[in-house]
Full PDB file with SEQRES, HELIX, SHEET, SSBOND, CRYST1, ORIGX, SCALE, CONECT and MASTER records, all heavy atoms in Angstrom:
SEQRES   1 A   31  LEU ASP THR SER PRO THR VAL LYS ALA PHE GLY CYS VAL          
SEQRES   2 A   31  VAL ALA THR ARG THR SER ALA PHE LEU ALA ALA ALA ASN          
SEQRES   3 A   31  VAL THR ALA LEU GLY                                          
HELIX    1 AA1 PRO A    5  ALA A   15  1                                  11    
HELIX    2 AA2 SER A   19  VAL A   27  1                                   9    
CRYST1    1.000    1.000    1.000  90.00  90.00  90.00 P 1           1          
ORIGX1      1.000000  0.000000  0.000000        0.00000                         
ORIGX2      0.000000  1.000000  0.000000        0.00000                         
ORIGX3      0.000000  0.000000  1.000000        0.00000                         
SCALE1      1.000000  0.000000  0.000000        0.00000                         
SCALE2      0.000000  1.000000  0.000000        0.00000                         
SCALE3      0.000000  0.000000  1.000000        0.00000                         
ATOM      1  N   LEU A   1     -25.813  -9.791 -37.768  1.00  0.00           N  
ATOM      2  CA  LEU A   1     -25.787  -8.374 -37.367  1.00  0.00           C  
ATOM      3  C   LEU A   1     -26.249  -8.181 -35.940  1.00  0.00           C  
ATOM      4  O   LEU A   1     -25.466  -7.468 -35.204  1.00  0.00           O  
ATOM      5  CB  LEU A   1     -26.838  -7.626 -38.301  1.00  0.00           C  
ATOM      6  CG  LEU A   1     -27.206  -6.217 -37.828  1.00  0.00           C  
ATOM      7  CD1 LEU A   1     -26.008  -5.284 -37.882  1.00  0.00           C  
ATOM      8  CD2 LEU A   1     -28.361  -5.657 -38.660  1.00  0.00           C  
ATOM      9  N   ASP A   2     -27.244  -8.843 -35.500  1.00  0.00           N  
ATOM     10  CA  ASP A   2     -27.705  -8.681 -34.096  1.00  0.00           C  
ATOM     11  C   ASP A   2     -26.682  -9.191 -33.026  1.00  0.00           C  
ATOM     12  O   ASP A   2     -26.709  -8.776 -31.873  1.00  0.00           O  
ATOM     13  CB  ASP A   2     -28.946  -9.473 -33.795  1.00  0.00           C  
ATOM     14  CG  ASP A   2     -30.110  -9.036 -34.748  1.00  0.00           C  
ATOM     15  OD1 ASP A   2     -29.998  -7.946 -35.403  1.00  0.00           O  
ATOM     16  OD2 ASP A   2     -31.039  -9.733 -34.857  1.00  0.00           O  
ATOM     17  N   THR A   3     -25.720 -10.085 -33.440  1.00  0.00           N  
ATOM     18  CA  THR A   3     -24.799 -10.669 -32.460  1.00  0.00           C  
ATOM     19  C   THR A   3     -23.354 -10.207 -32.721  1.00  0.00           C  
ATOM     20  O   THR A   3     -22.392 -10.679 -32.217  1.00  0.00           O  
ATOM     21  CB  THR A   3     -24.709 -12.215 -32.627  1.00  0.00           C  
ATOM     22  OG1 THR A   3     -24.402 -12.515 -33.954  1.00  0.00           O  
ATOM     23  CG2 THR A   3     -26.110 -12.758 -32.216  1.00  0.00           C  
ATOM     24  N   SER A   4     -23.272  -9.087 -33.488  1.00  0.00           N  
ATOM     25  CA  SER A   4     -21.904  -8.532 -33.831  1.00  0.00           C  
ATOM     26  C   SER A   4     -21.427  -7.739 -32.417  1.00  0.00           C  
ATOM     27  O   SER A   4     -22.192  -7.404 -31.548  1.00  0.00           O  
ATOM     28  CB  SER A   4     -22.061  -7.474 -34.876  1.00  0.00           C  
ATOM     29  OG  SER A   4     -22.833  -6.291 -34.463  1.00  0.00           O  
ATOM     30  N   PRO A   5     -20.136  -7.570 -32.276  1.00  0.00           N  
ATOM     31  CA  PRO A   5     -19.573  -6.882 -31.078  1.00  0.00           C  
ATOM     32  C   PRO A   5     -20.022  -5.563 -30.961  1.00  0.00           C  
ATOM     33  O   PRO A   5     -20.310  -5.085 -29.838  1.00  0.00           O  
ATOM     34  CB  PRO A   5     -18.021  -6.913 -31.425  1.00  0.00           C  
ATOM     35  CG  PRO A   5     -17.859  -8.067 -32.342  1.00  0.00           C  
ATOM     36  CD  PRO A   5     -18.980  -8.124 -33.177  1.00  0.00           C  
ATOM     37  N   THR A   6     -20.263  -4.767 -32.097  1.00  0.00           N  
ATOM     38  CA  THR A   6     -20.811  -3.395 -31.939  1.00  0.00           C  
ATOM     39  C   THR A   6     -22.205  -3.351 -31.390  1.00  0.00           C  
ATOM     40  O   THR A   6     -22.444  -2.574 -30.408  1.00  0.00           O  
ATOM     41  CB  THR A   6     -20.904  -2.778 -33.345  1.00  0.00           C  
ATOM     42  OG1 THR A   6     -19.467  -2.706 -33.898  1.00  0.00           O  
ATOM     43  CG2 THR A   6     -21.340  -1.236 -33.319  1.00  0.00           C  
ATOM     44  N   VAL A   7     -23.072  -4.252 -31.783  1.00  0.00           N  
ATOM     45  CA  VAL A   7     -24.481  -4.214 -31.332  1.00  0.00           C  
ATOM     46  C   VAL A   7     -24.459  -4.689 -29.866  1.00  0.00           C  
ATOM     47  O   VAL A   7     -25.214  -4.105 -29.035  1.00  0.00           O  
ATOM     48  CB  VAL A   7     -25.316  -5.119 -32.171  1.00  0.00           C  
ATOM     49  CG1 VAL A   7     -26.574  -5.236 -31.492  1.00  0.00           C  
ATOM     50  CG2 VAL A   7     -25.536  -4.466 -33.534  1.00  0.00           C  
ATOM     51  N   LYS A   8     -23.615  -5.721 -29.618  1.00  0.00           N  
ATOM     52  CA  LYS A   8     -23.583  -6.254 -28.231  1.00  0.00           C  
ATOM     53  C   LYS A   8     -23.036  -5.131 -27.218  1.00  0.00           C  
ATOM     54  O   LYS A   8     -23.603  -4.972 -26.150  1.00  0.00           O  
ATOM     55  CB  LYS A   8     -22.749  -7.374 -28.157  1.00  0.00           C  
ATOM     56  CG  LYS A   8     -23.361  -8.673 -28.589  1.00  0.00           C  
ATOM     57  CD  LYS A   8     -22.475  -9.828 -28.402  1.00  0.00           C  
ATOM     58  CE  LYS A   8     -23.104 -11.086 -28.686  1.00  0.00           C  
ATOM     59  NZ  LYS A   8     -22.170 -12.395 -28.562  1.00  0.00           N  
ATOM     60  N   ALA A   9     -21.953  -4.393 -27.562  1.00  0.00           N  
ATOM     61  CA  ALA A   9     -21.382  -3.413 -26.641  1.00  0.00           C  
ATOM     62  C   ALA A   9     -22.161  -2.205 -26.517  1.00  0.00           C  
ATOM     63  O   ALA A   9     -22.158  -1.602 -25.493  1.00  0.00           O  
ATOM     64  CB  ALA A   9     -19.979  -3.201 -27.217  1.00  0.00           C  
ATOM     65  N   PHE A  10     -22.790  -1.653 -27.675  1.00  0.00           N  
ATOM     66  CA  PHE A  10     -23.378  -0.357 -27.588  1.00  0.00           C  
ATOM     67  C   PHE A  10     -24.863  -0.439 -27.803  1.00  0.00           C  
ATOM     68  O   PHE A  10     -25.496   0.542 -28.196  1.00  0.00           O  
ATOM     69  CB  PHE A  10     -22.852   0.530 -28.626  1.00  0.00           C  
ATOM     70  CG  PHE A  10     -21.352   0.916 -28.423  1.00  0.00           C  
ATOM     71  CD1 PHE A  10     -20.418   0.594 -29.295  1.00  0.00           C  
ATOM     72  CD2 PHE A  10     -21.144   1.567 -27.250  1.00  0.00           C  
ATOM     73  CE1 PHE A  10     -19.070   0.835 -29.076  1.00  0.00           C  
ATOM     74  CE2 PHE A  10     -19.816   2.005 -26.904  1.00  0.00           C  
ATOM     75  CZ  PHE A  10     -18.731   1.578 -27.905  1.00  0.00           C  
ATOM     76  N   GLY A  11     -25.566  -1.614 -27.482  1.00  0.00           N  
ATOM     77  CA  GLY A  11     -26.953  -1.691 -27.646  1.00  0.00           C  
ATOM     78  C   GLY A  11     -27.769  -0.580 -27.067  1.00  0.00           C  
ATOM     79  O   GLY A  11     -28.477   0.031 -27.734  1.00  0.00           O  
ATOM     80  N   CYS A  12     -27.609  -0.284 -25.793  1.00  0.00           N  
ATOM     81  CA  CYS A  12     -28.305   0.717 -25.109  1.00  0.00           C  
ATOM     82  C   CYS A  12     -28.071   2.168 -25.667  1.00  0.00           C  
ATOM     83  O   CYS A  12     -28.936   2.873 -25.825  1.00  0.00           O  
ATOM     84  CB  CYS A  12     -28.152   0.577 -23.591  1.00  0.00           C  
ATOM     85  SG  CYS A  12     -29.100  -0.659 -22.770  1.00  0.00           S  
ATOM     86  N   VAL A  13     -26.899   2.307 -25.989  1.00  0.00           N  
ATOM     87  CA  VAL A  13     -26.442   3.599 -26.493  1.00  0.00           C  
ATOM     88  C   VAL A  13     -27.128   3.861 -27.764  1.00  0.00           C  
ATOM     89  O   VAL A  13     -27.779   4.885 -28.016  1.00  0.00           O  
ATOM     90  CB  VAL A  13     -24.887   3.702 -26.687  1.00  0.00           C  
ATOM     91  CG1 VAL A  13     -24.505   5.047 -27.412  1.00  0.00           C  
ATOM     92  CG2 VAL A  13     -24.134   3.486 -25.467  1.00  0.00           C  
ATOM     93  N   VAL A  14     -27.117   2.906 -28.657  1.00  0.00           N  
ATOM     94  CA  VAL A  14     -27.716   3.121 -30.005  1.00  0.00           C  
ATOM     95  C   VAL A  14     -29.254   3.065 -29.844  1.00  0.00           C  
ATOM     96  O   VAL A  14     -29.899   3.894 -30.491  1.00  0.00           O  
ATOM     97  CB  VAL A  14     -27.432   1.925 -31.001  1.00  0.00           C  
ATOM     98  CG1 VAL A  14     -28.019   2.006 -32.210  1.00  0.00           C  
ATOM     99  CG2 VAL A  14     -25.792   1.909 -31.150  1.00  0.00           C  
ATOM    100  N   ALA A  15     -29.840   2.282 -29.080  1.00  0.00           N  
ATOM    101  CA  ALA A  15     -31.257   2.103 -29.015  1.00  0.00           C  
ATOM    102  C   ALA A  15     -31.884   3.211 -28.354  1.00  0.00           C  
ATOM    103  O   ALA A  15     -33.167   3.555 -28.496  1.00  0.00           O  
ATOM    104  CB  ALA A  15     -31.639   0.836 -28.113  1.00  0.00           C  
ATOM    105  N   THR A  16     -31.225   4.186 -27.635  1.00  0.00           N  
ATOM    106  CA  THR A  16     -31.783   5.364 -27.026  1.00  0.00           C  
ATOM    107  C   THR A  16     -31.405   6.668 -27.727  1.00  0.00           C  
ATOM    108  O   THR A  16     -31.590   7.670 -27.116  1.00  0.00           O  
ATOM    109  CB  THR A  16     -31.419   5.404 -25.523  1.00  0.00           C  
ATOM    110  OG1 THR A  16     -29.967   5.402 -25.430  1.00  0.00           O  
ATOM    111  CG2 THR A  16     -31.991   4.200 -24.803  1.00  0.00           C  
ATOM    112  N   ARG A  17     -30.821   6.511 -28.850  1.00  0.00           N  
ATOM    113  CA  ARG A  17     -30.418   7.850 -29.636  1.00  0.00           C  
ATOM    114  C   ARG A  17     -31.612   8.466 -30.394  1.00  0.00           C  
ATOM    115  O   ARG A  17     -32.736   8.041 -30.121  1.00  0.00           O  
ATOM    116  CB  ARG A  17     -29.139   7.617 -30.515  1.00  0.00           C  
ATOM    117  CG  ARG A  17     -28.044   7.155 -29.650  1.00  0.00           C  
ATOM    118  CD  ARG A  17     -26.783   6.932 -30.452  1.00  0.00           C  
ATOM    119  NE  ARG A  17     -25.892   8.159 -30.473  1.00  0.00           N  
ATOM    120  CZ  ARG A  17     -24.754   8.276 -30.859  1.00  0.00           C  
ATOM    121  NH1 ARG A  17     -24.164   7.088 -31.521  1.00  0.00           N  
ATOM    122  NH2 ARG A  17     -23.998   9.304 -30.947  1.00  0.00           N  
ATOM    123  N   THR A  18     -31.233   9.306 -31.229  1.00  0.00           N  
ATOM    124  CA  THR A  18     -32.259  10.120 -31.900  1.00  0.00           C  
ATOM    125  C   THR A  18     -33.042   9.297 -33.007  1.00  0.00           C  
ATOM    126  O   THR A  18     -32.707   8.022 -33.170  1.00  0.00           O  
ATOM    127  CB  THR A  18     -31.655  11.341 -32.667  1.00  0.00           C  
ATOM    128  OG1 THR A  18     -30.671  10.876 -33.542  1.00  0.00           O  
ATOM    129  CG2 THR A  18     -31.170  12.285 -31.644  1.00  0.00           C  
ATOM    130  N   SER A  19     -33.886   9.812 -33.783  1.00  0.00           N  
ATOM    131  CA  SER A  19     -34.861   9.041 -34.614  1.00  0.00           C  
ATOM    132  C   SER A  19     -34.078   8.043 -35.491  1.00  0.00           C  
ATOM    133  O   SER A  19     -34.546   6.907 -35.766  1.00  0.00           O  
ATOM    134  CB  SER A  19     -35.653  10.107 -35.409  1.00  0.00           C  
ATOM    135  OG  SER A  19     -34.808  10.847 -36.255  1.00  0.00           O  
ATOM    136  N   ALA A  20     -32.940   8.391 -36.079  1.00  0.00           N  
ATOM    137  CA  ALA A  20     -32.295   7.590 -37.020  1.00  0.00           C  
ATOM    138  C   ALA A  20     -31.790   6.361 -36.334  1.00  0.00           C  
ATOM    139  O   ALA A  20     -31.809   5.175 -36.942  1.00  0.00           O  
ATOM    140  CB  ALA A  20     -31.088   8.262 -37.764  1.00  0.00           C  
ATOM    141  N   PHE A  21     -31.380   6.521 -35.053  1.00  0.00           N  
ATOM    142  CA  PHE A  21     -30.863   5.372 -34.241  1.00  0.00           C  
ATOM    143  C   PHE A  21     -32.100   4.560 -33.852  1.00  0.00           C  
ATOM    144  O   PHE A  21     -31.917   3.302 -33.668  1.00  0.00           O  
ATOM    145  CB  PHE A  21     -30.021   5.893 -33.197  1.00  0.00           C  
ATOM    146  CG  PHE A  21     -28.844   6.474 -33.625  1.00  0.00           C  
ATOM    147  CD1 PHE A  21     -28.749   7.817 -33.814  1.00  0.00           C  
ATOM    148  CD2 PHE A  21     -27.639   5.817 -33.837  1.00  0.00           C  
ATOM    149  CE1 PHE A  21     -27.660   8.439 -34.216  1.00  0.00           C  
ATOM    150  CE2 PHE A  21     -26.480   6.394 -34.413  1.00  0.00           C  
ATOM    151  CZ  PHE A  21     -26.490   7.733 -34.531  1.00  0.00           C  
ATOM    152  N   LEU A  22     -33.171   5.016 -33.655  1.00  0.00           N  
ATOM    153  CA  LEU A  22     -34.413   4.226 -33.299  1.00  0.00           C  
ATOM    154  C   LEU A  22     -34.800   3.440 -34.449  1.00  0.00           C  
ATOM    155  O   LEU A  22     -35.362   2.231 -34.407  1.00  0.00           O  
ATOM    156  CB  LEU A  22     -35.579   5.227 -32.845  1.00  0.00           C  
ATOM    157  CG  LEU A  22     -35.317   5.964 -31.471  1.00  0.00           C  
ATOM    158  CD1 LEU A  22     -36.585   6.927 -31.208  1.00  0.00           C  
ATOM    159  CD2 LEU A  22     -35.167   5.029 -30.374  1.00  0.00           C  
ATOM    160  N   ALA A  23     -34.506   3.940 -35.616  1.00  0.00           N  
ATOM    161  CA  ALA A  23     -34.729   3.173 -36.883  1.00  0.00           C  
ATOM    162  C   ALA A  23     -33.844   2.030 -36.914  1.00  0.00           C  
ATOM    163  O   ALA A  23     -34.245   0.845 -37.278  1.00  0.00           O  
ATOM    164  CB  ALA A  23     -34.548   4.066 -38.041  1.00  0.00           C  
ATOM    165  N   ALA A  24     -32.702   2.237 -36.473  1.00  0.00           N  
ATOM    166  CA  ALA A  24     -31.668   1.117 -36.373  1.00  0.00           C  
ATOM    167  C   ALA A  24     -32.153   0.118 -35.566  1.00  0.00           C  
ATOM    168  O   ALA A  24     -32.032  -1.195 -35.641  1.00  0.00           O  
ATOM    169  CB  ALA A  24     -30.296   1.550 -36.003  1.00  0.00           C  
ATOM    170  N   ALA A  25     -32.767   0.473 -34.292  1.00  0.00           N  
ATOM    171  CA  ALA A  25     -33.167  -0.443 -33.228  1.00  0.00           C  
ATOM    172  C   ALA A  25     -34.393  -1.299 -33.989  1.00  0.00           C  
ATOM    173  O   ALA A  25     -34.524  -2.472 -33.558  1.00  0.00           O  
ATOM    174  CB  ALA A  25     -33.782   0.296 -32.035  1.00  0.00           C  
ATOM    175  N   ASN A  26     -35.097  -0.701 -34.940  1.00  0.00           N  
ATOM    176  CA  ASN A  26     -36.297  -1.475 -35.487  1.00  0.00           C  
ATOM    177  C   ASN A  26     -35.791  -2.563 -36.335  1.00  0.00           C  
ATOM    178  O   ASN A  26     -36.534  -3.488 -36.594  1.00  0.00           O  
ATOM    179  CB  ASN A  26     -37.181  -0.393 -36.349  1.00  0.00           C  
ATOM    180  CG  ASN A  26     -38.291  -1.029 -36.902  1.00  0.00           C  
ATOM    181  OD1 ASN A  26     -39.082  -1.623 -36.167  1.00  0.00           O  
ATOM    182  ND2 ASN A  26     -38.498  -0.815 -38.069  1.00  0.00           N  
ATOM    183  N   VAL A  27     -34.598  -2.542 -36.825  1.00  0.00           N  
ATOM    184  CA  VAL A  27     -34.216  -3.507 -37.836  1.00  0.00           C  
ATOM    185  C   VAL A  27     -33.183  -4.562 -37.243  1.00  0.00           C  
ATOM    186  O   VAL A  27     -32.800  -5.497 -38.026  1.00  0.00           O  
ATOM    187  CB  VAL A  27     -33.568  -2.993 -39.122  1.00  0.00           C  
ATOM    188  CG1 VAL A  27     -34.510  -2.000 -39.806  1.00  0.00           C  
ATOM    189  CG2 VAL A  27     -32.255  -2.190 -38.800  1.00  0.00           C  
ATOM    190  N   THR A  28     -32.755  -4.368 -35.934  1.00  0.00           N  
ATOM    191  CA  THR A  28     -31.821  -5.330 -35.384  1.00  0.00           C  
ATOM    192  C   THR A  28     -32.313  -5.750 -34.108  1.00  0.00           C  
ATOM    193  O   THR A  28     -33.477  -5.417 -33.696  1.00  0.00           O  
ATOM    194  CB  THR A  28     -30.415  -4.653 -35.132  1.00  0.00           C  
ATOM    195  OG1 THR A  28     -30.626  -3.742 -34.070  1.00  0.00           O  
ATOM    196  CG2 THR A  28     -29.997  -3.911 -36.375  1.00  0.00           C  
ATOM    197  N   ALA A  29     -31.631  -6.482 -33.305  1.00  0.00           N  
ATOM    198  CA  ALA A  29     -31.967  -6.952 -31.979  1.00  0.00           C  
ATOM    199  C   ALA A  29     -32.133  -5.754 -31.026  1.00  0.00           C  
ATOM    200  O   ALA A  29     -32.613  -5.956 -29.862  1.00  0.00           O  
ATOM    201  CB  ALA A  29     -30.909  -7.904 -31.367  1.00  0.00           C  
ATOM    202  N   LEU A  30     -31.706  -4.533 -31.485  1.00  0.00           N  
ATOM    203  CA  LEU A  30     -31.797  -3.315 -30.617  1.00  0.00           C  
ATOM    204  C   LEU A  30     -33.179  -3.102 -30.186  1.00  0.00           C  
ATOM    205  O   LEU A  30     -33.377  -2.429 -29.095  1.00  0.00           O  
ATOM    206  CB  LEU A  30     -31.236  -2.149 -31.272  1.00  0.00           C  
ATOM    207  CG  LEU A  30     -29.621  -2.204 -31.570  1.00  0.00           C  
ATOM    208  CD1 LEU A  30     -29.252  -1.157 -32.329  1.00  0.00           C  
ATOM    209  CD2 LEU A  30     -28.838  -2.344 -30.267  1.00  0.00           C  
ATOM    210  N   GLY A  31     -34.179  -3.552 -30.944  1.00  0.00           N  
ATOM    211  CA  GLY A  31     -35.488  -3.232 -30.561  1.00  0.00           C  
ATOM    212  C   GLY A  31     -35.903  -3.862 -29.167  1.00  0.00           C  
ATOM    213  O   GLY A  31     -36.506  -3.258 -28.294  1.00  0.00           O  
TER     214      GLY A  31                                                      
MASTER        0    0    0    2    0    0    0    6  213    1    0    3          
END                                                                             
C-alpha cells in the first residue's frame, strides 16, 4: 500500500486533507 503509485504521487495532498484523510495518513506511509 505504502509504495503504490497513488500514495507516492499524492502523498502530501492526502496527508494534508481533512480529518478522514489524516486517518489515512495514520495507517500508511503518509504519516
